[in-house]
């Protein structure tokens, strides 16, 4: 990272996202072209009109299972997460801090992300791990970036923490306080994982076969695929590999079409885009940009069954659905974010009221659960 890049990110971190209390709730809805369903974010389930249908106490990384059970972390950087019933009763909880993602595998197990702290070049550094649990909360396997650091480092240029710790050099990764794991820095900041679905591409190219792991590192702007058996890197897309460069991306996911959908934050350039790339050529095949769209350090994207795309602009508290031809057919502003941002009370303003990610669930998924209760 150049000195100019460091200056850019420091300036960008000083900027606050734009808020407008008048926009609270659903501000656009085209029922003929939007995909009808229910939207889950931060422990809240809302309908297409923005009405609250249900909520859960544990709200971070929220995920619904087909039978109505609910996975979530208590709150951001909490040391507790677990599995809960549809009616918010505890099935089991674990006092283990996790971060960024919870995924249900096709086999019915759970993948999530945690960290382990290690001393590294004079610093206390968090190194991410992927952990698989069964549905009883028993750990099945673990992939550690610390244990695989030599292999991972062979694919990318040196990151900021590779240089010696010098008091006069800025270190943009340093936290004001240590993480729940004890570190003051993240080496990679793993922010998502996908178990690859079956695709025609995967049948022809074993790198993309069903069951391999697609992982995303914010630091270094890197996406890797790990072989499901050996956990060795078998594919990569890093930074300048694509036109315009990846910058702190989130939520990359291989689509049934074989294309790769990415929420590209634009951490240093100052604008966010949503892109689809060809994972073989790394050419950009589709791109969505709009004036003012920017989220520095979070964000999410979901391809819906009707071909539309649901985008979460986290720090602005906004989620919106766009068609293939880039028309907004549904848009929602989280009232608590908009109102808190316009409040003078310091406790009402802050990152923890942003939308981390929104997921759309079909009517056929949610309405039977609402009837049964």
Protein backbone atom coordinates (compact mmCIF):
# COMPACT_ATOMS: atom_id res chain seq x y z
CA UNK A 1 0.00 0.00 0.00
CA UNK A 2 1.40 3.38 -1.01
CA UNK A 3 1.63 6.44 1.22
CA UNK A 4 -1.09 8.05 -0.92
CA UNK A 5 -3.37 5.10 -0.23
CA UNK A 6 -2.76 5.45 3.50
CA UNK A 7 -3.70 9.12 3.36
CA UNK A 8 -6.85 8.32 1.38
CA UNK A 9 -8.07 5.73 3.85
CA UNK A 10 -7.38 7.99 6.84
CA UNK A 11 -9.40 10.78 5.23
CA UNK A 12 -12.17 8.39 4.25
CA UNK A 13 -12.45 7.10 7.81
CA UNK A 14 -13.07 10.65 9.01
CA UNK A 15 -16.10 11.03 6.75
CA UNK A 16 -19.54 10.14 8.12
CA UNK A 17 -22.18 8.44 5.96
CA UNK A 18 -25.11 10.59 4.83
CA UNK A 19 -28.35 10.22 6.77
CA UNK A 20 -31.86 11.62 6.31
CA UNK A 21 -34.55 10.91 8.89
CA UNK A 22 -37.26 11.66 6.33
CA UNK A 23 -36.24 8.55 4.39
CA UNK A 24 -36.99 6.12 7.22
CA UNK A 25 -38.72 2.91 6.17
CA UNK A 26 -39.64 1.72 2.68
CA UNK A 27 -39.15 4.61 0.26
CA UNK A 28 -39.64 2.71 -3.00
CA UNK A 29 -41.58 -0.45 -3.87
CA UNK A 30 -42.57 -1.79 -7.28
CA UNK A 31 -44.50 -5.00 -6.44
CA UNK A 32 -44.69 -6.06 -10.07
CA UNK A 33 -40.91 -6.23 -10.45
CA UNK A 34 -39.59 -6.77 -6.92
CA UNK A 35 -39.30 -10.27 -5.48
CA UNK A 36 -41.97 -10.68 -2.84
CA UNK A 37 -40.73 -12.00 0.48
CA UNK A 38 -39.50 -11.09 3.95
CA UNK A 39 -36.28 -9.35 4.89
CA UNK A 40 -34.05 -10.36 7.81
CA UNK A 41 -31.43 -7.99 9.19
CA UNK A 42 -29.89 -7.58 12.62
CA UNK A 43 -32.43 -9.85 14.32
CA UNK A 44 -35.46 -8.17 12.72
CA UNK A 45 -37.82 -9.69 10.16
CA UNK A 46 -39.77 -7.14 8.11
CA UNK A 47 -42.23 -7.50 5.25
CA UNK A 48 -41.98 -5.70 1.92
CA UNK A 49 -43.75 -2.67 3.39
CA UNK A 50 -41.17 -2.35 6.14
CA UNK A 51 -43.47 -3.61 8.91
CA UNK A 52 -41.79 -5.54 11.70
CA UNK A 53 -43.06 -9.12 11.70
CA UNK A 54 -40.74 -10.73 14.26
CA UNK A 55 -37.54 -10.09 16.19
CA UNK A 56 -34.95 -12.00 18.20
CA UNK A 57 -32.76 -10.89 21.09
CA UNK A 58 -29.50 -12.12 19.59
CA UNK A 59 -29.24 -10.07 16.43
CA UNK A 60 -25.81 -10.11 14.80
CA UNK A 61 -25.10 -12.42 11.82
CA UNK A 62 -28.72 -13.59 11.95
CA UNK A 63 -29.66 -16.60 9.83
CA UNK A 64 -32.91 -18.57 9.59
CA UNK A 65 -32.98 -22.33 9.05
CA UNK A 66 -35.74 -23.93 6.96
CA UNK A 67 -37.47 -25.34 10.06
CA UNK A 68 -37.57 -21.91 11.74
CA UNK A 69 -34.59 -22.31 14.02
CA UNK A 70 -32.39 -19.26 14.18
CA UNK A 71 -28.61 -18.82 14.34
CA UNK A 72 -27.08 -15.57 15.57
CA UNK A 73 -24.40 -13.89 17.63
CA UNK A 74 -25.58 -11.92 20.65
CA UNK A 75 -24.22 -8.64 19.24
CA UNK A 76 -21.18 -7.31 17.40
CA UNK A 77 -17.99 -8.75 18.93
CA UNK A 78 -19.97 -10.56 21.61
CA UNK A 79 -18.41 -13.68 23.04
CA UNK A 80 -21.71 -15.54 22.81
CA UNK A 81 -23.60 -17.04 19.89
CA UNK A 82 -25.96 -19.93 19.45
CA UNK A 83 -28.97 -21.70 18.02
CA UNK A 84 -32.46 -20.56 19.01
CA UNK A 85 -36.02 -21.64 18.32
CA UNK A 86 -38.42 -19.67 16.14
CA UNK A 87 -39.89 -18.35 19.41
CA UNK A 88 -36.45 -17.26 20.64
CA UNK A 89 -35.85 -20.03 23.16
CA UNK A 90 -32.23 -21.09 23.64
CA UNK A 91 -31.43 -24.48 22.08
CA UNK A 92 -27.70 -24.12 22.77
CA UNK A 93 -25.22 -21.30 23.19
CA UNK A 94 -21.44 -21.16 23.00
CA UNK A 95 -19.19 -18.69 24.79
CA UNK A 96 -16.90 -18.36 21.77
CA UNK A 97 -16.45 -15.04 19.95
CA UNK A 98 -17.18 -15.27 16.22
CA UNK A 99 -17.27 -12.66 13.47
CA UNK A 100 -18.59 -11.67 10.03
CA UNK A 101 -20.42 -14.80 8.87
CA UNK A 102 -22.52 -17.82 9.78
CA UNK A 103 -23.27 -20.29 6.97
CA UNK A 104 -25.38 -23.44 6.86
CA UNK A 105 -23.73 -26.11 4.71
CA UNK A 106 -25.66 -28.48 2.38
CA UNK A 107 -24.82 -31.28 4.84
CA UNK A 108 -26.59 -29.44 7.66
CA UNK A 109 -23.49 -28.32 9.56
CA UNK A 110 -22.53 -24.75 10.46
CA UNK A 111 -19.53 -22.77 9.25
CA UNK A 112 -18.50 -19.61 11.07
CA UNK A 113 -15.39 -17.50 11.56
CA UNK A 114 -13.29 -16.93 14.65
CA UNK A 115 -9.74 -15.77 15.40
CA UNK A 116 -6.66 -16.70 17.37
CA UNK A 117 -4.09 -14.20 18.57
CA UNK A 118 -0.36 -14.69 17.95
CA UNK A 119 2.67 -12.43 18.43
CA UNK A 120 3.87 -11.37 14.98
CA UNK A 121 6.71 -8.96 14.20
CA UNK A 122 6.37 -7.20 17.54
CA UNK A 123 2.58 -6.95 17.51
CA UNK A 124 -0.38 -8.85 18.96
CA UNK A 125 -2.14 -9.99 15.81
CA UNK A 126 -5.46 -11.76 15.20
CA UNK A 127 -5.35 -14.55 12.62
CA UNK A 128 -8.73 -15.76 11.35
CA UNK A 129 -9.98 -19.33 11.31
CA UNK A 130 -12.94 -21.10 9.71
CA UNK A 131 -14.67 -23.46 12.13
CA UNK A 132 -17.27 -26.10 11.30
CA UNK A 133 -19.80 -27.20 13.94
CA UNK A 134 -22.52 -29.82 13.84
CA UNK A 135 -26.09 -28.80 14.69
CA UNK A 136 -25.46 -29.67 18.33
CA UNK A 137 -22.65 -27.11 18.55
CA UNK A 138 -19.82 -29.67 18.51
CA UNK A 139 -16.72 -28.59 16.60
CA UNK A 140 -15.94 -30.79 13.59
CA UNK A 141 -12.96 -29.14 11.91
CA UNK A 142 -10.96 -25.92 11.75
CA UNK A 143 -8.93 -24.10 9.11
CA UNK A 144 -6.40 -21.62 10.55
CA UNK A 145 -4.80 -18.83 8.53
CA UNK A 146 -2.00 -18.81 11.09
CA UNK A 147 -1.17 -22.44 10.42
CA UNK A 148 -1.40 -21.85 6.65
CA UNK A 149 0.26 -18.43 6.58
CA UNK A 150 3.27 -19.51 4.51
CA UNK A 151 1.06 -20.87 1.75
CA UNK A 152 -1.31 -17.90 1.75
CA UNK A 153 1.53 -15.36 1.72
CA UNK A 154 2.97 -16.98 -1.41
CA UNK A 155 -0.02 -15.72 -3.42
CA UNK A 156 0.07 -12.01 -2.56
CA UNK A 157 2.38 -9.06 -2.11
CA UNK A 158 3.47 -8.19 1.47
CA UNK A 159 0.74 -6.65 3.58
CA UNK A 160 1.13 -3.81 6.05
CA UNK A 161 1.98 -6.05 9.01
CA UNK A 162 4.91 -7.62 7.20
CA UNK A 163 7.08 -4.59 7.75
CA UNK A 164 8.81 -4.06 11.12
CA UNK A 165 6.91 -2.14 13.77
CA UNK A 166 8.23 1.45 13.62
CA UNK A 167 6.77 4.19 15.77
CA UNK A 168 6.82 6.86 13.04
CA UNK A 169 4.93 4.87 10.40
CA UNK A 170 1.10 4.90 10.34
CA UNK A 171 -0.55 1.54 10.94
CA UNK A 172 -4.09 1.78 9.67
CA UNK A 173 -5.03 -1.70 10.91
CA UNK A 174 -4.40 -0.90 14.60
CA UNK A 175 -7.42 -0.87 16.92
CA UNK A 176 -7.88 1.54 19.78
CA UNK A 177 -8.44 -1.43 22.07
CA UNK A 178 -7.81 -5.12 21.74
CA UNK A 179 -10.33 -7.44 20.12
CA UNK A 180 -12.23 -10.15 22.06
CA UNK A 181 -9.40 -12.46 21.01
CA UNK A 182 -6.73 -10.17 22.48
CA UNK A 183 -5.09 -8.76 19.34
CA UNK A 184 -4.64 -5.15 18.27
CA UNK A 185 -4.42 -5.94 14.55
CA UNK A 186 -6.06 -8.21 12.00
CA UNK A 187 -3.73 -9.89 9.56
CA UNK A 188 -6.31 -10.81 6.90
CA UNK A 189 -9.79 -9.97 8.30
CA UNK A 190 -11.67 -12.86 6.80
CA UNK A 191 -15.18 -11.56 6.12
CA UNK A 192 -17.16 -14.28 4.33
CA UNK A 193 -17.26 -17.92 3.35
CA UNK A 194 -19.36 -19.79 0.79
CA UNK A 195 -19.61 -23.52 0.19
CA UNK A 196 -19.68 -23.64 -3.60
CA UNK A 197 -22.96 -24.84 -5.11
CA UNK A 198 -23.25 -27.26 -8.00
CA UNK A 199 -22.76 -25.43 -11.30
CA UNK A 200 -22.01 -26.39 -14.88
CA UNK A 201 -18.70 -24.57 -14.44
CA UNK A 202 -17.85 -26.76 -11.45
CA UNK A 203 -18.57 -29.92 -13.43
CA UNK A 204 -16.01 -28.84 -16.06
CA UNK A 205 -13.39 -27.19 -13.82
CA UNK A 206 -12.54 -28.86 -10.50
CA UNK A 207 -11.46 -25.55 -8.96
CA UNK A 208 -15.14 -24.60 -8.84
CA UNK A 209 -16.57 -27.99 -7.92
CA UNK A 210 -19.43 -28.29 -5.50
CA UNK A 211 -18.29 -28.22 -1.86
CA UNK A 212 -15.08 -26.19 -2.22
CA UNK A 213 -14.74 -23.15 0.05
CA UNK A 214 -14.79 -19.60 -1.30
CA UNK A 215 -13.27 -17.20 1.24
CA UNK A 216 -12.80 -13.43 1.24
CA UNK A 217 -10.04 -11.39 2.93
CA UNK A 218 -10.63 -7.66 3.29
CA UNK A 219 -6.97 -6.87 3.93
CA UNK A 220 -5.15 -7.24 0.64
CA UNK A 221 -8.52 -7.36 -1.18
CA UNK A 222 -8.27 -11.08 -1.86
CA UNK A 223 -10.64 -13.91 -2.75
CA UNK A 224 -9.48 -17.53 -2.62
CA UNK A 225 -11.02 -20.93 -3.26
CA UNK A 226 -9.83 -23.74 -1.01
CA UNK A 227 -10.12 -27.39 -1.99
CA UNK A 228 -12.73 -28.98 0.26
CA UNK A 229 -10.48 -31.93 1.12
CA UNK A 230 -6.93 -30.56 1.29
CA UNK A 231 -7.81 -26.91 2.12
CA UNK A 232 -5.08 -25.84 -0.31
CA UNK A 233 -5.56 -22.69 -2.41
CA UNK A 234 -6.68 -23.68 -5.92
CA UNK A 235 -7.93 -20.32 -7.27
CA UNK A 236 -7.41 -16.65 -6.47
CA UNK A 237 -8.62 -13.18 -7.43
CA UNK A 238 -6.54 -10.44 -5.83
CA UNK A 239 -6.67 -6.66 -5.98
CA UNK A 240 -5.44 -5.68 -9.45
CA UNK A 241 -6.48 -8.97 -11.05
CA UNK A 242 -9.68 -7.31 -12.25
CA UNK A 243 -10.31 -3.99 -13.97
CA UNK A 244 -10.58 -1.14 -11.50
CA UNK A 245 -9.22 -3.37 -8.72
CA UNK A 246 -10.95 -4.96 -5.77
CA UNK A 247 -10.83 -2.79 -2.66
CA UNK A 248 -11.91 -4.31 0.65
CA UNK A 249 -14.68 -6.45 -0.88
CA UNK A 250 -17.42 -8.36 0.93
CA UNK A 251 -19.78 -11.27 0.20
CA UNK A 252 -18.27 -12.82 -2.95
CA UNK A 253 -20.40 -15.75 -4.08
CA UNK A 254 -20.44 -18.12 -7.02
CA UNK A 255 -23.85 -17.99 -8.71
CA UNK A 256 -25.63 -20.93 -10.34
CA UNK A 257 -24.67 -19.34 -13.68
CA UNK A 258 -20.98 -19.80 -12.84
CA UNK A 259 -20.40 -16.08 -12.51
CA UNK A 260 -18.91 -14.56 -9.35
CA UNK A 261 -20.97 -11.83 -7.66
CA UNK A 262 -19.00 -9.39 -5.47
CA UNK A 263 -19.80 -6.39 -3.27
CA UNK A 264 -16.71 -4.29 -4.03
CA UNK A 265 -16.48 -1.65 -1.29
CA UNK A 266 -13.98 0.64 -3.01
CA UNK A 267 -12.24 1.25 0.28
CA UNK A 268 -9.56 3.51 -1.20
CA UNK A 269 -11.18 4.87 -4.35
CA UNK A 270 -14.21 6.21 -2.45
CA UNK A 271 -17.15 4.55 -4.24
CA UNK A 272 -18.77 1.15 -4.01
CA UNK A 273 -19.84 -1.05 -6.90
CA UNK A 274 -21.54 -4.42 -7.30
CA UNK A 275 -19.94 -6.58 -9.99
CA UNK A 276 -20.23 -9.96 -11.65
CA UNK A 277 -17.03 -11.40 -13.03
CA UNK A 278 -16.09 -14.39 -15.15
CA UNK A 279 -14.02 -16.50 -12.70
CA UNK A 280 -11.89 -17.86 -15.55
CA UNK A 281 -10.98 -14.67 -17.43
CA UNK A 282 -11.68 -12.33 -14.45
CA UNK A 283 -13.44 -9.98 -16.88
CA UNK A 284 -16.26 -7.85 -15.44
CA UNK A 285 -19.53 -8.98 -17.07
CA UNK A 286 -21.99 -6.75 -15.16
CA UNK A 287 -21.50 -3.73 -12.93
CA UNK A 288 -23.79 -1.55 -10.83
CA UNK A 289 -22.76 1.90 -9.64
CA UNK A 290 -24.71 4.94 -8.53
CA UNK A 291 -23.73 8.38 -7.39
CA UNK A 292 -23.04 8.43 -3.66
CA UNK A 293 -23.11 4.65 -3.17
CA UNK A 294 -20.33 3.94 -0.69
CA UNK A 295 -19.80 1.82 2.39
CA UNK A 296 -16.29 1.66 3.78
CA UNK A 297 -16.02 -1.48 5.83
CA UNK A 298 -19.22 -3.55 5.64
CA UNK A 299 -21.85 -4.39 3.03
CA UNK A 300 -23.63 -7.33 1.49
CA UNK A 301 -25.19 -8.49 -1.77
CA UNK A 302 -27.69 -11.29 -2.53
CA UNK A 303 -28.84 -12.57 -5.91
CA UNK A 304 -32.57 -13.26 -5.73
CA UNK A 305 -34.41 -16.04 -7.52
CA UNK A 306 -36.05 -13.64 -9.99
CA UNK A 307 -32.63 -12.39 -11.11
CA UNK A 308 -32.77 -9.16 -9.12
CA UNK A 309 -30.05 -8.21 -6.66
CA UNK A 310 -30.50 -7.11 -3.04
CA UNK A 311 -27.76 -4.72 -1.92
CA UNK A 312 -26.96 -3.62 1.64
CA UNK A 313 -25.26 -0.22 1.96
CA UNK A 314 -24.43 -0.86 5.59
CA UNK A 315 -23.16 2.36 7.07
CA UNK A 316 -25.98 4.39 5.59
CA UNK A 317 -28.57 1.98 6.97
CA UNK A 318 -29.94 1.34 3.49
CA UNK A 319 -30.92 -1.77 1.54
CA UNK A 320 -32.28 -1.80 -2.01
CA UNK A 321 -33.26 -4.23 -4.76
CA UNK A 322 -32.23 -3.68 -8.37
CA UNK A 323 -33.22 -5.41 -11.59
CA UNK A 324 -30.79 -6.72 -14.19
CA UNK A 325 -31.16 -3.43 -16.05
CA UNK A 326 -30.27 -1.58 -12.83
CA UNK A 327 -33.66 -0.17 -11.90
CA UNK A 328 -34.40 0.20 -8.16
CA UNK A 329 -37.65 -1.66 -7.42
CA UNK A 330 -37.48 -1.70 -3.60
CA UNK A 331 -35.62 0.48 -1.12
CA UNK A 332 -35.51 0.58 2.65
CA UNK A 333 -33.83 2.90 5.16
CA UNK A 334 -33.55 1.56 8.70
CA UNK A 335 -35.35 4.15 10.88
CA UNK A 336 -33.10 3.66 13.91
CA UNK A 337 -30.03 4.55 11.87
CA UNK A 338 -31.58 7.63 10.27
CA UNK A 339 -33.11 8.93 13.50
CA UNK A 340 -30.07 8.19 15.65
CA UNK A 341 -27.82 10.01 13.22
CA UNK A 342 -29.95 13.12 13.59
CA UNK A 343 -30.08 12.91 17.37
CA UNK A 344 -27.78 15.00 19.52
CA UNK A 345 -27.47 12.23 22.11
CA UNK A 346 -24.02 10.66 21.63
CA UNK A 347 -25.23 7.19 22.62
CA UNK A 348 -27.65 7.18 19.68
CA UNK A 349 -24.98 7.52 17.04
CA UNK A 350 -22.54 4.84 16.10
CA UNK A 351 -21.55 1.83 14.06
CA UNK A 352 -23.61 -0.68 15.99
CA UNK A 353 -26.86 0.72 14.61
CA UNK A 354 -25.81 0.26 11.00
CA UNK A 355 -27.29 -2.58 8.97
CA UNK A 356 -24.58 -5.21 8.64
CA UNK A 357 -26.46 -7.18 5.99
CA UNK A 358 -30.00 -7.86 4.82
CA UNK A 359 -31.24 -11.20 3.46
CA UNK A 360 -34.47 -11.80 1.54
CA UNK A 361 -36.45 -14.97 2.33
CA UNK A 362 -39.27 -16.14 0.02
CA UNK A 363 -42.88 -15.98 1.18
CA UNK A 364 -43.01 -19.76 0.92
CA UNK A 365 -40.18 -19.98 3.46
CA UNK A 366 -41.55 -17.57 6.08
CA UNK A 367 -45.36 -17.72 5.96
CA UNK A 368 -45.70 -21.36 7.10
CA UNK A 369 -43.51 -20.49 10.09
CA UNK A 370 -45.68 -17.48 10.92
CA UNK A 371 -48.79 -19.66 10.84
CA UNK A 372 -47.32 -22.37 13.07
CA UNK A 373 -45.65 -19.88 15.43
